[in-house]
Amino acid sequence: MTAEWISVGLLALLVLFFVLDIAGNRKRAPRPKPVPQRKPEVARGPAPVPAEPEAEPEVPPEPAAEAAEPEAAQPVVEPAPAPEPVPAAEPEVEREPETRVSVFERIKQGLGKTRASLTGGLADLFSVGKKIDEDLLEEIETTLLMADVGVTATSEIIDALTEKLERNQLKDGEALRKALRDELHGLLKDVTRPLEIDAGKQPYVILMVGVNGVGKTTTIGKLTKKFQSEGKSVMLAAGDTF
């Protein structure tokens, strides 16, 4: 019996100890924090509009004194426009009839530049006190070549002047001028006669020769126009050498 009471006592102690342990754990456990409850939002209405002040009644202005009526403006009379002056009719100037220039005259006019170069250059060489020697003849030769006199014609002229210089026939500038003029005239004497077409020779042939750029084609065109205006029949035949 004693052993049974001891067993019951131990069991009772264990139960008591278990109950006390559970009670202690409950005390040590943290309490949950309370969750704050959100207050319900109150719907906001539109902001109140301030009341407009009552407008004061308008007081009608007192009628102003009637303004004095302006005097009637007198009409302005514009002066009549002055008549425009009529320009006097210009007298018609009678035009002079154009004079037709012959072909040879136009050729002479075209050679005016060459003539001016020749005469102007030679005038400086024939100044007073100029020594007449071979140096002067060389200057004359250069002037003739620059004036397009031609190499062959220039050589003939200088040879003739040199021969006269050696014979003491050129004593001063005037004698040299006269000798040069005679030589130039002698070269042109055979070609200064007018061109006469012999009607008995048909066809009448004119041969045009010359180096490049001296005006052969231009001269042929001018002669053709001249002969056609005279009623002649002209035929052109081209020829060249290679």
C-alpha atoms as a PDB file:
ATOM      1  CA  MET A   1       0.000   0.000   0.000  1.00  0.00           C
ATOM      2  CA  THR A   2       2.845   2.264   0.860  1.00  0.00           C
ATOM      3  CA  ALA A   3       4.345   1.801  -2.573  1.00  0.00           C
ATOM      4  CA  GLU A   4       1.050   2.648  -4.236  1.00  0.00           C
ATOM      5  CA  TRP A   5       0.771   5.921  -2.278  1.00  0.00           C
ATOM      6  CA  ILE A   6       4.277   6.834  -3.191  1.00  0.00           C
ATOM      7  CA  SER A   7       3.472   6.273  -6.868  1.00  0.00           C
ATOM      8  CA  VAL A   8       0.327   8.330  -6.583  1.00  0.00           C
ATOM      9  CA  GLY A   9       2.254  11.095  -4.861  1.00  0.00           C
ATOM     10  CA  LEU A  10       4.907  11.204  -7.543  1.00  0.00           C
ATOM     11  CA  LEU A  11       2.273  11.276 -10.255  1.00  0.00           C
ATOM     12  CA  ALA A  12       0.539  14.107  -8.480  1.00  0.00           C
ATOM     13  CA  LEU A  13       3.822  16.038  -8.245  1.00  0.00           C
ATOM     14  CA  LEU A  14       4.467  15.557 -11.956  1.00  0.00           C
ATOM     15  CA  VAL A  15       0.997  16.777 -12.837  1.00  0.00           C
ATOM     16  CA  LEU A  16       1.430  19.781 -10.571  1.00  0.00           C
ATOM     17  CA  PHE A  17       4.807  20.583 -12.047  1.00  0.00           C
ATOM     18  CA  PHE A  18       3.404  20.316 -15.587  1.00  0.00           C
ATOM     19  CA  VAL A  19       0.517  22.638 -14.741  1.00  0.00           C
ATOM     20  CA  LEU A  20       2.866  25.206 -13.189  1.00  0.00           C
ATOM     21  CA  ASP A  21       5.176  25.102 -16.223  1.00  0.00           C
ATOM     22  CA  ILE A  22       2.302  25.761 -18.604  1.00  0.00           C
ATOM     23  CA  ALA A  23       1.125  28.659 -16.499  1.00  0.00           C
ATOM     24  CA  GLY A  24       4.614  30.200 -16.478  1.00  0.00           C
ATOM     25  CA  ASN A  25       4.948  29.978 -20.273  1.00  0.00           C
ATOM     26  CA  ARG A  26       1.663  31.810 -20.754  1.00  0.00           C
ATOM     27  CA  LYS A  27       2.862  34.684 -18.617  1.00  0.00           C
ATOM     28  CA  ARG A  28       6.130  35.027 -20.549  1.00  0.00           C
ATOM     29  CA  ALA A  29       4.483  34.984 -24.041  1.00  0.00           C
ATOM     30  CA  PRO A  30       4.253  38.619 -25.590  1.00  0.00           C
ATOM     31  CA  ARG A  31       0.834  39.999 -26.104  1.00  0.00           C
ATOM     32  CA  PRO A  32       0.001  40.961 -29.735  1.00  0.00           C
ATOM     33  CA  LYS A  33      -0.029  44.685 -30.375  1.00  0.00           C
ATOM     34  CA  PRO A  34      -3.425  46.056 -31.143  1.00  0.00           C
ATOM     35  CA  VAL A  35      -3.931  47.073 -34.799  1.00  0.00           C
ATOM     36  CA  PRO A  36      -5.028  50.708 -35.036  1.00  0.00           C
ATOM     37  CA  GLN A  37      -8.284  51.077 -36.813  1.00  0.00           C
ATOM     38  CA  ARG A  38      -8.441  53.648 -39.711  1.00  0.00           C
ATOM     39  CA  LYS A  39     -10.976  56.331 -39.326  1.00  0.00           C
ATOM     40  CA  PRO A  40     -13.468  56.507 -42.177  1.00  0.00           C
ATOM     41  CA  GLU A  41     -12.673  59.329 -44.606  1.00  0.00           C
ATOM     42  CA  VAL A  42     -15.230  61.999 -44.890  1.00  0.00           C
ATOM     43  CA  ALA A  43     -16.012  62.974 -48.516  1.00  0.00           C
ATOM     44  CA  ARG A  44     -14.971  66.512 -49.147  1.00  0.00           C
ATOM     45  CA  GLY A  45     -17.330  68.616 -51.110  1.00  0.00           C
ATOM     46  CA  PRO A  46     -16.380  71.507 -53.464  1.00  0.00           C
ATOM     47  CA  ALA A  47     -14.885  74.544 -51.852  1.00  0.00           C
ATOM     48  CA  PRO A  48     -17.502  77.093 -51.040  1.00  0.00           C
ATOM     49  CA  VAL A  49     -17.630  79.896 -53.566  1.00  0.00           C
ATOM     50  CA  PRO A  50     -17.513  83.280 -51.913  1.00  0.00           C
ATOM     51  CA  ALA A  51     -20.647  85.169 -52.498  1.00  0.00           C
ATOM     52  CA  GLU A  52     -20.263  88.044 -54.912  1.00  0.00           C
ATOM     53  CA  PRO A  53     -21.052  91.417 -53.487  1.00  0.00           C
ATOM     54  CA  GLU A  54     -24.242  92.808 -54.712  1.00  0.00           C
ATOM     55  CA  ALA A  55     -23.688  95.349 -57.483  1.00  0.00           C
ATOM     56  CA  GLU A  56     -24.714  98.792 -56.651  1.00  0.00           C
ATOM     57  CA  PRO A  57     -27.368 100.202 -58.945  1.00  0.00           C
ATOM     58  CA  GLU A  58     -25.893 102.397 -61.674  1.00  0.00           C
ATOM     59  CA  VAL A  59     -26.782 106.005 -61.445  1.00  0.00           C
ATOM     60  CA  PRO A  60     -27.557 107.449 -64.895  1.00  0.00           C
ATOM     61  CA  PRO A  61     -25.213 110.359 -65.706  1.00  0.00           C
ATOM     62  CA  GLU A  62     -26.623 113.766 -65.919  1.00  0.00           C
ATOM     63  CA  PRO A  63     -27.273 114.892 -69.494  1.00  0.00           C
ATOM     64  CA  ALA A  64     -24.411 117.099 -70.659  1.00  0.00           C
ATOM     65  CA  ALA A  65     -25.032 120.360 -72.254  1.00  0.00           C
ATOM     66  CA  GLU A  66     -25.580 120.061 -75.890  1.00  0.00           C
ATOM     67  CA  ALA A  67     -22.444 120.937 -77.780  1.00  0.00           C
ATOM     68  CA  ALA A  68     -22.640 123.821 -80.114  1.00  0.00           C
ATOM     69  CA  GLU A  69     -23.176 122.713 -83.645  1.00  0.00           C
ATOM     70  CA  PRO A  70     -20.098 123.345 -85.811  1.00  0.00           C
ATOM     71  CA  GLU A  71     -20.424 125.888 -88.485  1.00  0.00           C
ATOM     72  CA  ALA A  72     -21.091 124.499 -91.883  1.00  0.00           C
ATOM     73  CA  ALA A  73     -17.745 124.073 -93.685  1.00  0.00           C
ATOM     74  CA  GLN A  74     -17.532 126.000 -96.868  1.00  0.00           C
ATOM     75  CA  PRO A  75     -16.651 123.873 -99.927  1.00  0.00           C
ATOM     76  CA  VAL A  76     -13.014 124.224-101.011  1.00  0.00           C
ATOM     77  CA  VAL A  77     -12.705 125.099-104.656  1.00  0.00           C
ATOM     78  CA  GLU A  78      -9.675 123.367-106.190  1.00  0.00           C
ATOM     79  CA  PRO A  79      -7.832 125.329-108.859  1.00  0.00           C
ATOM     80  CA  ALA A  80      -8.176 123.997-112.347  1.00  0.00           C
ATOM     81  CA  PRO A  81      -5.113 121.973-113.428  1.00  0.00           C
ATOM     82  CA  ALA A  82      -2.771 123.829-115.703  1.00  0.00           C
ATOM     83  CA  PRO A  83      -2.679 122.432-119.232  1.00  0.00           C
ATOM     84  CA  GLU A  84       0.370 120.295-119.917  1.00  0.00           C
ATOM     85  CA  PRO A  85       2.768 121.890-122.358  1.00  0.00           C
ATOM     86  CA  VAL A  86       2.725 120.229-125.717  1.00  0.00           C
ATOM     87  CA  PRO A  87       6.290 119.389-126.789  1.00  0.00           C
ATOM     88  CA  ALA A  88       7.252 121.042-129.962  1.00  0.00           C
ATOM     89  CA  ALA A  89       7.647 118.680-132.845  1.00  0.00           C
ATOM     90  CA  GLU A  90      11.295 118.125-133.624  1.00  0.00           C
ATOM     91  CA  PRO A  91      12.154 118.905-137.179  1.00  0.00           C
ATOM     92  CA  GLU A  92      12.969 115.829-139.144  1.00  0.00           C
ATOM     93  CA  VAL A  93      16.587 115.716-140.061  1.00  0.00           C
ATOM     94  CA  GLU A  94      17.139 114.619-143.555  1.00  0.00           C
ATOM     95  CA  ARG A  95      19.441 111.669-143.621  1.00  0.00           C
ATOM     96  CA  GLU A  96      22.268 111.912-145.975  1.00  0.00           C
ATOM     97  CA  PRO A  97      22.291 109.115-148.487  1.00  0.00           C
ATOM     98  CA  GLU A  98      24.834 106.492-147.571  1.00  0.00           C
ATOM     99  CA  THR A  99      27.682 106.503-149.966  1.00  0.00           C
ATOM    100  CA  ARG A 100      28.656 103.067-151.103  1.00  0.00           C
ATOM    101  CA  VAL A 101      32.313 102.368-150.591  1.00  0.00           C
ATOM    102  CA  SER A 102      34.036 100.334-153.243  1.00  0.00           C
ATOM    103  CA  VAL A 103      35.837  97.117-152.476  1.00  0.00           C
ATOM    104  CA  PHE A 104      39.248  98.653-152.976  1.00  0.00           C
ATOM    105  CA  GLU A 105      38.380 101.565-150.712  1.00  0.00           C
ATOM    106  CA  ARG A 106      37.410  99.150-147.952  1.00  0.00           C
ATOM    107  CA  ILE A 107      40.667  97.297-148.453  1.00  0.00           C
ATOM    108  CA  LYS A 108      42.555 100.572-148.131  1.00  0.00           C
ATOM    109  CA  GLN A 109      40.644 101.388-144.951  1.00  0.00           C
ATOM    110  CA  GLY A 110      41.499  97.979-143.525  1.00  0.00           C
ATOM    111  CA  LEU A 111      45.161  98.655-144.176  1.00  0.00           C
ATOM    112  CA  GLY A 112      45.012 101.925-142.245  1.00  0.00           C
ATOM    113  CA  LYS A 113      46.513 100.340-139.108  1.00  0.00           C
ATOM    114  CA  THR A 114      49.425  98.941-141.078  1.00  0.00           C
ATOM    115  CA  ARG A 115      49.950 102.288-142.801  1.00  0.00           C
ATOM    116  CA  ALA A 116      49.928 104.147-139.482  1.00  0.00           C
ATOM    117  CA  SER A 117      52.452 101.702-138.020  1.00  0.00           C
ATOM    118  CA  LEU A 118      54.721 102.108-141.031  1.00  0.00           C
ATOM    119  CA  THR A 119      54.633 105.890-141.287  1.00  0.00           C
ATOM    120  CA  GLY A 120      54.828 106.442-137.526  1.00  0.00           C
ATOM    121  CA  GLY A 121      57.804 104.123-137.093  1.00  0.00           C
ATOM    122  CA  LEU A 122      59.732 105.580-140.025  1.00  0.00           C
ATOM    123  CA  ALA A 123      59.114 109.172-138.929  1.00  0.00           C
ATOM    124  CA  ASP A 124      61.138 108.560-135.755  1.00  0.00           C
ATOM    125  CA  LEU A 125      64.021 107.158-137.779  1.00  0.00           C
ATOM    126  CA  PHE A 126      64.300 110.196-140.029  1.00  0.00           C
ATOM    127  CA  SER A 127      64.766 112.724-137.246  1.00  0.00           C
ATOM    128  CA  VAL A 128      67.250 115.531-137.670  1.00  0.00           C
ATOM    129  CA  GLY A 129      70.812 114.628-136.702  1.00  0.00           C
ATOM    130  CA  LYS A 130      70.286 110.881-137.092  1.00  0.00           C
ATOM    131  CA  LYS A 131      73.440 109.185-138.314  1.00  0.00           C
ATOM    132  CA  ILE A 132      72.877 107.198-141.483  1.00  0.00           C
ATOM    133  CA  ASP A 133      74.681 103.878-141.174  1.00  0.00           C
ATOM    134  CA  GLU A 134      74.041 100.147-141.171  1.00  0.00           C
ATOM    135  CA  ASP A 135      72.413 100.315-137.725  1.00  0.00           C
ATOM    136  CA  LEU A 136      69.822 102.745-139.060  1.00  0.00           C
ATOM    137  CA  LEU A 137      69.147 100.466-142.024  1.00  0.00           C
ATOM    138  CA  GLU A 138      68.566  97.561-139.617  1.00  0.00           C
ATOM    139  CA  GLU A 139      66.005  99.667-137.742  1.00  0.00           C
ATOM    140  CA  ILE A 140      64.271 100.450-141.033  1.00  0.00           C
ATOM    141  CA  GLU A 141      64.228  96.742-141.886  1.00  0.00           C
ATOM    142  CA  THR A 142      62.637  95.894-138.522  1.00  0.00           C
ATOM    143  CA  THR A 143      59.994  98.597-138.992  1.00  0.00           C
ATOM    144  CA  LEU A 144      59.087  97.302-142.454  1.00  0.00           C
ATOM    145  CA  LEU A 145      58.743  93.735-141.204  1.00  0.00           C
ATOM    146  CA  MET A 146      56.584  94.816-138.251  1.00  0.00           C
ATOM    147  CA  ALA A 147      54.323  96.675-140.715  1.00  0.00           C
ATOM    148  CA  ASP A 148      53.716  93.458-142.711  1.00  0.00           C
ATOM    149  CA  VAL A 149      55.579  94.674-145.769  1.00  0.00           C
ATOM    150  CA  GLY A 150      56.868  91.159-146.320  1.00  0.00           C
ATOM    151  CA  VAL A 151      60.262  89.487-146.098  1.00  0.00           C
ATOM    152  CA  THR A 152      61.017  89.491-149.821  1.00  0.00           C
ATOM    153  CA  ALA A 153      59.958  93.099-150.396  1.00  0.00           C
ATOM    154  CA  THR A 154      61.826  94.266-147.289  1.00  0.00           C
ATOM    155  CA  SER A 155      65.022  92.517-148.406  1.00  0.00           C
ATOM    156  CA  GLU A 156      64.833  94.188-151.828  1.00  0.00           C
ATOM    157  CA  ILE A 157      64.326  97.625-150.269  1.00  0.00           C
ATOM    158  CA  ILE A 158      67.196  97.261-147.764  1.00  0.00           C
ATOM    159  CA  ASP A 159      69.565  95.958-150.463  1.00  0.00           C
ATOM    160  CA  ALA A 160      68.800  98.980-152.653  1.00  0.00           C
ATOM    161  CA  LEU A 161      69.311 101.418-149.737  1.00  0.00           C
ATOM    162  CA  THR A 162      72.573  99.719-148.713  1.00  0.00           C
ATOM    163  CA  GLU A 163      73.881 100.058-152.253  1.00  0.00           C
ATOM    164  CA  LYS A 164      73.055 103.776-152.300  1.00  0.00           C
ATOM    165  CA  LEU A 165      74.648 104.227-148.875  1.00  0.00           C
ATOM    166  CA  GLU A 166      77.875 102.652-150.100  1.00  0.00           C
ATOM    167  CA  ARG A 167      77.849 105.079-153.034  1.00  0.00           C
ATOM    168  CA  ASN A 168      77.494 107.999-150.631  1.00  0.00           C
ATOM    169  CA  GLN A 169      74.130 108.883-152.160  1.00  0.00           C
ATOM    170  CA  LEU A 170      72.437 109.130-148.762  1.00  0.00           C
ATOM    171  CA  LYS A 171      73.941 112.179-147.101  1.00  0.00           C
ATOM    172  CA  ASP A 172      71.084 113.093-144.740  1.00  0.00           C
ATOM    173  CA  GLY A 173      67.713 111.965-143.474  1.00  0.00           C
ATOM    174  CA  GLU A 174      65.771 113.655-146.250  1.00  0.00           C
ATOM    175  CA  ALA A 175      67.771 111.815-148.912  1.00  0.00           C
ATOM    176  CA  LEU A 176      67.138 108.525-147.081  1.00  0.00           C
ATOM    177  CA  ARG A 177      63.415 109.266-146.882  1.00  0.00           C
ATOM    178  CA  LYS A 178      63.205 110.004-150.619  1.00  0.00           C
ATOM    179  CA  ALA A 179      65.144 106.849-151.496  1.00  0.00           C
ATOM    180  CA  LEU A 180      62.860 104.678-149.331  1.00  0.00           C
ATOM    181  CA  ARG A 181      59.734 106.236-150.842  1.00  0.00           C
ATOM    182  CA  ASP A 182      61.001 105.553-154.378  1.00  0.00           C
ATOM    183  CA  GLU A 183      61.684 101.917-153.531  1.00  0.00           C
ATOM    184  CA  LEU A 184      58.201 101.402-152.049  1.00  0.00           C
ATOM    185  CA  HIS A 185      56.596 103.101-155.031  1.00  0.00           C
ATOM    186  CA  GLY A 186      58.557 100.890-157.419  1.00  0.00           C
ATOM    187  CA  LEU A 187      57.243  97.751-155.702  1.00  0.00           C
ATOM    188  CA  LEU A 188      53.619  98.901-155.875  1.00  0.00           C
ATOM    189  CA  LYS A 189      53.748 100.473-159.339  1.00  0.00           C
ATOM    190  CA  ASP A 190      52.810  97.289-161.183  1.00  0.00           C
ATOM    191  CA  VAL A 191      49.832  96.516-158.959  1.00  0.00           C
ATOM    192  CA  THR A 192      48.328  99.994-158.666  1.00  0.00           C
ATOM    193  CA  ARG A 193      46.624  99.833-162.048  1.00  0.00           C
ATOM    194  CA  PRO A 194      42.888  98.993-161.900  1.00  0.00           C
ATOM    195  CA  LEU A 195      41.718  95.455-162.580  1.00  0.00           C
ATOM    196  CA  GLU A 196      40.131  95.285-166.015  1.00  0.00           C
ATOM    197  CA  ILE A 197      38.244  92.170-167.065  1.00  0.00           C
ATOM    198  CA  ASP A 198      38.832  91.259-170.699  1.00  0.00           C
ATOM    199  CA  ALA A 199      35.442  90.127-171.979  1.00  0.00           C
ATOM    200  CA  GLY A 200      37.106  88.385-174.920  1.00  0.00           C
ATOM    201  CA  LYS A 201      38.810  85.886-172.649  1.00  0.00           C
ATOM    202  CA  GLN A 202      36.300  83.401-171.350  1.00  0.00           C
ATOM    203  CA  PRO A 203      36.561  82.131-168.757  1.00  0.00           C
ATOM    204  CA  TYR A 204      38.633  84.908-167.225  1.00  0.00           C
ATOM    205  CA  VAL A 205      40.736  83.311-164.480  1.00  0.00           C
ATOM    206  CA  ILE A 206      42.032  85.111-161.405  1.00  0.00           C
ATOM    207  CA  LEU A 207      44.520  83.126-159.312  1.00  0.00           C
ATOM    208  CA  MET A 208      44.730  84.137-155.645  1.00  0.00           C
ATOM    209  CA  VAL A 209      47.858  83.009-153.784  1.00  0.00           C
ATOM    210  CA  GLY A 210      49.339  83.886-150.405  1.00  0.00           C
ATOM    211  CA  VAL A 211      50.463  82.531-147.073  1.00  0.00           C
ATOM    212  CA  ASN A 212      48.052  81.639-144.279  1.00  0.00           C
ATOM    213  CA  GLY A 213      46.203  84.479-142.593  1.00  0.00           C
ATOM    214  CA  VAL A 214      46.809  87.258-145.118  1.00  0.00           C
ATOM    215  CA  GLY A 215      43.140  87.553-146.156  1.00  0.00           C
ATOM    216  CA  LYS A 216      42.863  85.492-149.333  1.00  0.00           C
ATOM    217  CA  THR A 217      39.391  84.157-148.603  1.00  0.00           C
ATOM    218  CA  THR A 218      38.121  87.568-147.499  1.00  0.00           C
ATOM    219  CA  THR A 219      39.413  89.226-150.667  1.00  0.00           C
ATOM    220  CA  ILE A 220      37.909  86.490-152.836  1.00  0.00           C
ATOM    221  CA  GLY A 221      34.511  87.037-151.231  1.00  0.00           C
ATOM    222  CA  LYS A 222      34.678  90.792-151.804  1.00  0.00           C
ATOM    223  CA  LEU A 223      35.698  90.405-155.452  1.00  0.00           C
ATOM    224  CA  THR A 224      32.909  87.880-156.002  1.00  0.00           C
ATOM    225  CA  LYS A 225      30.323  90.305-154.605  1.00  0.00           C
ATOM    226  CA  LYS A 226      31.678  93.119-156.768  1.00  0.00           C
ATOM    227  CA  PHE A 227      31.608  91.097-159.989  1.00  0.00           C
ATOM    228  CA  GLN A 228      28.095  89.769-159.297  1.00  0.00           C
ATOM    229  CA  SER A 229      26.812  93.311-158.721  1.00  0.00           C
ATOM    230  CA  GLU A 230      28.220  94.175-162.154  1.00  0.00           C
ATOM    231  CA  GLY A 231      26.190  91.374-163.758  1.00  0.00           C
ATOM    232  CA  LYS A 232      29.059  88.945-164.215  1.00  0.00           C
ATOM    233  CA  SER A 233      28.809  85.200-163.607  1.00  0.00           C
ATOM    234  CA  VAL A 234      31.329  84.040-161.027  1.00  0.00           C
ATOM    235  CA  MET A 235      32.502  80.516-160.284  1.00  0.00           C
ATOM    236  CA  LEU A 236      34.809  79.721-157.379  1.00  0.00           C
ATOM    237  CA  ALA A 237      37.249  76.815-157.482  1.00  0.00           C
ATOM    238  CA  ALA A 238      39.179  75.838-154.366  1.00  0.00           C
ATOM    239  CA  GLY A 239      42.787  74.751-154.666  1.00  0.00           C
ATOM    240  CA  ASP A 240      45.441  73.900-152.109  1.00  0.00           C
ATOM    241  CA  THR A 241      48.832  72.216-151.773  1.00  0.00           C
ATOM    242  CA  PHE A 242      49.885  69.527-149.351  1.00  0.00           C
END
